[in-house]
PDB file of N, CA and C in Angstrom:
ATOM      1  N   UNK A   1       0.831  -1.195   0.000  1.00  0.00           N
ATOM      2  CA  UNK A   1       0.000   0.000   0.000  1.00  0.00           C
ATOM      3  C   UNK A   1       0.873   1.254   0.000  1.00  0.00           C
ATOM      4  N   UNK A   2       1.951   1.236   0.764  1.00  0.00           N
ATOM      5  CA  UNK A   2       2.836   2.396   0.830  1.00  0.00           C
ATOM      6  C   UNK A   2       3.476   2.677  -0.527  1.00  0.00           C
ATOM      7  N   UNK A   3       3.806   1.632  -1.260  1.00  0.00           N
ATOM      8  CA  UNK A   3       4.419   1.820  -2.578  1.00  0.00           C
ATOM      9  C   UNK A   3       3.449   2.505  -3.524  1.00  0.00           C
ATOM     10  N   UNK A   4       2.182   2.152  -3.449  1.00  0.00           N
ATOM     11  CA  UNK A   4       1.160   2.777  -4.286  1.00  0.00           C
ATOM     12  C   UNK A   4       0.997   4.256  -3.921  1.00  0.00           C
ATOM     13  N   UNK A   5       0.942   4.524  -2.633  1.00  0.00           N
ATOM     14  CA  UNK A   5       0.804   5.912  -2.186  1.00  0.00           C
ATOM     15  C   UNK A   5       2.014   6.739  -2.618  1.00  0.00           C
ATOM     16  N   UNK A   6       3.192   6.168  -2.471  1.00  0.00           N
ATOM     17  CA  UNK A   6       4.414   6.874  -2.872  1.00  0.00           C
ATOM     18  C   UNK A   6       4.372   7.213  -4.361  1.00  0.00           C
ATOM     19  N   UNK A   7       3.965   6.244  -5.168  1.00  0.00           N
ATOM     20  CA  UNK A   7       3.886   6.463  -6.612  1.00  0.00           C
ATOM     21  C   UNK A   7       2.874   7.552  -6.955  1.00  0.00           C
ATOM     22  N   UNK A   8       1.754   7.579  -6.248  1.00  0.00           N
ATOM     23  CA  UNK A   8       0.741   8.610  -6.494  1.00  0.00           C
ATOM     24  C   UNK A   8       1.283   9.999  -6.153  1.00  0.00           C
ATOM     25  N   UNK A   9       2.038  10.097  -5.078  1.00  0.00           N
ATOM     26  CA  UNK A   9       2.636  11.377  -4.693  1.00  0.00           C
ATOM     27  C   UNK A   9       3.626  11.829  -5.764  1.00  0.00           C
ATOM     28  N   UNK A  10       4.460  10.914  -6.216  1.00  0.00           N
ATOM     29  CA  UNK A  10       5.442  11.249  -7.262  1.00  0.00           C
ATOM     30  C   UNK A  10       4.735  11.701  -8.534  1.00  0.00           C
ATOM     31  N   UNK A  11       3.714  10.969  -8.950  1.00  0.00           N
ATOM     32  CA  UNK A  11       2.987  11.328 -10.166  1.00  0.00           C
ATOM     33  C   UNK A  11       2.316  12.691 -10.044  1.00  0.00           C
ATOM     34  N   UNK A  12       1.727  12.966  -8.888  1.00  0.00           N
ATOM     35  CA  UNK A  12       1.074  14.263  -8.680  1.00  0.00           C
ATOM     36  C   UNK A  12       2.090  15.395  -8.743  1.00  0.00           C
ATOM     37  N   UNK A  13       3.252  15.182  -8.137  1.00  0.00           N
ATOM     38  CA  UNK A  13       4.288  16.214  -8.176  1.00  0.00           C
ATOM     39  C   UNK A  13       4.757  16.456  -9.606  1.00  0.00           C
ATOM     40  N   UNK A  14       4.896  15.397 -10.385  1.00  0.00           N
ATOM     41  CA  UNK A  14       5.311  15.551 -11.783  1.00  0.00           C
ATOM     42  C   UNK A  14       4.248  16.280 -12.584  1.00  0.00           C
ATOM     43  N   UNK A  15       2.993  15.868 -12.432  1.00  0.00           N
ATOM     44  CA  UNK A  15       1.901  16.484 -13.180  1.00  0.00           C
ATOM     45  C   UNK A  15       1.748  17.964 -12.851  1.00  0.00           C
ATOM     46  N   UNK A  16       2.013  18.303 -11.603  1.00  0.00           N
ATOM     47  CA  UNK A  16       1.855  19.695 -11.155  1.00  0.00           C
ATOM     48  C   UNK A  16       3.164  20.468 -11.235  1.00  0.00           C
ATOM     49  N   UNK A  17       4.159  19.868 -11.872  1.00  0.00           N
ATOM     50  CA  UNK A  17       5.466  20.491 -12.087  1.00  0.00           C
ATOM     51  C   UNK A  17       6.078  21.032 -10.787  1.00  0.00           C
ATOM     52  N   UNK A  18       5.900  20.258  -9.725  1.00  0.00           N
ATOM     53  CA  UNK A  18       6.533  20.596  -8.456  1.00  0.00           C
ATOM     54  C   UNK A  18       5.803  21.615  -7.617  1.00  0.00           C
ATOM     55  N   UNK A  19       4.645  22.085  -8.078  1.00  0.00           N
ATOM     56  CA  UNK A  19       3.875  23.052  -7.288  1.00  0.00           C
ATOM     57  C   UNK A  19       3.125  22.258  -6.221  1.00  0.00           C
ATOM     58  N   UNK A  20       3.645  22.338  -5.014  1.00  0.00           N
ATOM     59  CA  UNK A  20       3.125  21.496  -3.933  1.00  0.00           C
ATOM     60  C   UNK A  20       1.660  21.764  -3.626  1.00  0.00           C
ATOM     61  N   UNK A  21       1.234  23.006  -3.660  1.00  0.00           N
ATOM     62  CA  UNK A  21      -0.163  23.327  -3.367  1.00  0.00           C
ATOM     63  C   UNK A  21      -1.086  22.645  -4.376  1.00  0.00           C
ATOM     64  N   UNK A  22      -0.713  22.654  -5.636  1.00  0.00           N
ATOM     65  CA  UNK A  22      -1.532  22.004  -6.666  1.00  0.00           C
ATOM     66  C   UNK A  22      -1.496  20.488  -6.519  1.00  0.00           C
ATOM     67  N   UNK A  23      -0.334  19.942  -6.226  1.00  0.00           N
ATOM     68  CA  UNK A  23      -0.216  18.501  -6.047  1.00  0.00           C
ATOM     69  C   UNK A  23      -1.041  18.037  -4.849  1.00  0.00           C
ATOM     70  N   UNK A  24      -0.992  18.787  -3.774  1.00  0.00           N
ATOM     71  CA  UNK A  24      -1.780  18.436  -2.587  1.00  0.00           C
ATOM     72  C   UNK A  24      -3.267  18.456  -2.913  1.00  0.00           C
ATOM     73  N   UNK A  25      -3.705  19.470  -3.637  1.00  0.00           N
ATOM     74  CA  UNK A  25      -5.110  19.560  -4.018  1.00  0.00           C
ATOM     75  C   UNK A  25      -5.509  18.381  -4.902  1.00  0.00           C
ATOM     76  N   UNK A  26      -4.656  18.035  -5.854  1.00  0.00           N
ATOM     77  CA  UNK A  26      -4.936  16.911  -6.748  1.00  0.00           C
ATOM     78  C   UNK A  26      -5.051  15.594  -5.973  1.00  0.00           C
ATOM     79  N   UNK A  27      -4.263  15.474  -4.917  1.00  0.00           N
ATOM     80  CA  UNK A  27      -4.284  14.256  -4.103  1.00  0.00           C
ATOM     81  C   UNK A  27      -5.386  14.275  -3.051  1.00  0.00           C
ATOM     82  N   UNK A  28      -5.990  15.443  -2.842  1.00  0.00           N
ATOM     83  CA  UNK A  28      -7.041  15.555  -1.839  1.00  0.00           C
ATOM     84  C   UNK A  28      -6.515  15.596  -0.424  1.00  0.00           C
ATOM     85  N   UNK A  29      -5.302  16.143  -0.269  1.00  0.00           N
ATOM     86  CA  UNK A  29      -4.697  16.281   1.063  1.00  0.00           C
ATOM     87  C   UNK A  29      -4.253  17.719   1.260  1.00  0.00           C
ATOM     88  N   UNK A  30      -3.928  18.061   2.493  1.00  0.00           N
ATOM     89  CA  UNK A  30      -3.440  19.406   2.778  1.00  0.00           C
ATOM     90  C   UNK A  30      -1.972  19.518   2.378  1.00  0.00           C
ATOM     91  N   UNK A  31      -1.514  20.734   2.263  1.00  0.00           N
ATOM     92  CA  UNK A  31      -0.105  20.962   1.922  1.00  0.00           C
ATOM     93  C   UNK A  31       0.816  20.382   2.992  1.00  0.00           C
ATOM     94  N   UNK A  32       0.529  20.599   4.299  1.00  0.00           N
ATOM     95  CA  UNK A  32       1.391  19.980   5.315  1.00  0.00           C
ATOM     96  C   UNK A  32       1.415  18.446   5.235  1.00  0.00           C
ATOM     97  N   UNK A  33       0.281  17.845   4.881  1.00  0.00           N
ATOM     98  CA  UNK A  33       0.246  16.390   4.731  1.00  0.00           C
ATOM     99  C   UNK A  33       1.123  15.957   3.573  1.00  0.00           C
ATOM    100  N   UNK A  34       1.073  16.693   2.472  1.00  0.00           N
ATOM    101  CA  UNK A  34       1.938  16.372   1.336  1.00  0.00           C
ATOM    102  C   UNK A  34       3.399  16.488   1.739  1.00  0.00           C
ATOM    103  N   UNK A  35       3.744  17.541   2.464  1.00  0.00           N
ATOM    104  CA  UNK A  35       5.129  17.700   2.926  1.00  0.00           C
ATOM    105  C   UNK A  35       5.556  16.517   3.786  1.00  0.00           C
ATOM    106  N   UNK A  36       4.672  16.042   4.660  1.00  0.00           N
ATOM    107  CA  UNK A  36       4.984  14.881   5.503  1.00  0.00           C
ATOM    108  C   UNK A  36       5.187  13.628   4.647  1.00  0.00           C
ATOM    109  N   UNK A  37       4.355  13.446   3.639  1.00  0.00           N
ATOM    110  CA  UNK A  37       4.478  12.279   2.771  1.00  0.00           C
ATOM    111  C   UNK A  37       5.781  12.326   1.971  1.00  0.00           C
ATOM    112  N   UNK A  38       6.141  13.499   1.487  1.00  0.00           N
ATOM    113  CA  UNK A  38       7.402  13.634   0.760  1.00  0.00           C
ATOM    114  C   UNK A  38       8.578  13.250   1.666  1.00  0.00           C
ATOM    115  N   UNK A  39       8.545  13.710   2.903  1.00  0.00           N
ATOM    116  CA  UNK A  39       9.616  13.385   3.852  1.00  0.00           C
ATOM    117  C   UNK A  39       9.570  11.907   4.241  1.00  0.00           C
ATOM    118  N   UNK A  40       8.363  11.398   4.510  1.00  0.00           N
ATOM    119  CA  UNK A  40       8.194  10.003   4.943  1.00  0.00           C
ATOM    120  C   UNK A  40       8.738   9.028   3.907  1.00  0.00           C
ATOM    121  N   UNK A  41       8.484   9.309   2.639  1.00  0.00           N
ATOM    122  CA  UNK A  41       8.922   8.412   1.576  1.00  0.00           C
ATOM    123  C   UNK A  41      10.272   8.803   0.999  1.00  0.00           C
ATOM    124  N   UNK A  42      10.880   9.843   1.537  1.00  0.00           N
ATOM    125  CA  UNK A  42      12.190  10.261   1.056  1.00  0.00           C
ATOM    126  C   UNK A  42      12.166  10.673  -0.404  1.00  0.00           C
ATOM    127  N   UNK A  43      11.099  11.344  -0.792  1.00  0.00           N
ATOM    128  CA  UNK A  43      10.929  11.730  -2.193  1.00  0.00           C
ATOM    129  C   UNK A  43      11.618  13.052  -2.455  1.00  0.00           C
ATOM    130  N   UNK A  44      12.586  12.985  -3.364  1.00  0.00           N
ATOM    131  CA  UNK A  44      13.183  14.194  -3.922  1.00  0.00           C
ATOM    132  C   UNK A  44      12.624  14.229  -5.335  1.00  0.00           C
ATOM    133  N   UNK A  45      11.486  14.880  -5.495  1.00  0.00           N
ATOM    134  CA  UNK A  45      10.725  14.758  -6.733  1.00  0.00           C
ATOM    135  C   UNK A  45      11.521  15.188  -7.967  1.00  0.00           C
ATOM    136  N   UNK A  46      12.503  16.046  -7.818  1.00  0.00           N
ATOM    137  CA  UNK A  46      13.313  16.452  -8.958  1.00  0.00           C
ATOM    138  C   UNK A  46      14.155  15.285  -9.479  1.00  0.00           C
ATOM    139  N   UNK A  47      14.474  14.352  -8.595  1.00  0.00           N
ATOM    140  CA  UNK A  47      15.304  13.214  -8.975  1.00  0.00           C
ATOM    141  C   UNK A  47      14.465  12.045  -9.490  1.00  0.00           C
ATOM    142  N   UNK A  48      13.164  12.129  -9.319  1.00  0.00           N
ATOM    143  CA  UNK A  48      12.279  11.014  -9.709  1.00  0.00           C
ATOM    144  C   UNK A  48      12.120  10.951 -11.209  1.00  0.00           C
TER     145      UNK A  48
END
């Protein structure tokens, strides 16, 4: 389940060209929640 969530976060960040507010909205989460998910999964979206 975590792998699926991680992939969704990465895809949202790519689709929104790194604009976290837009990616969070697309995922249906708050900006702070997105920040926590990025940290939790060790996502450096520029490197993805």
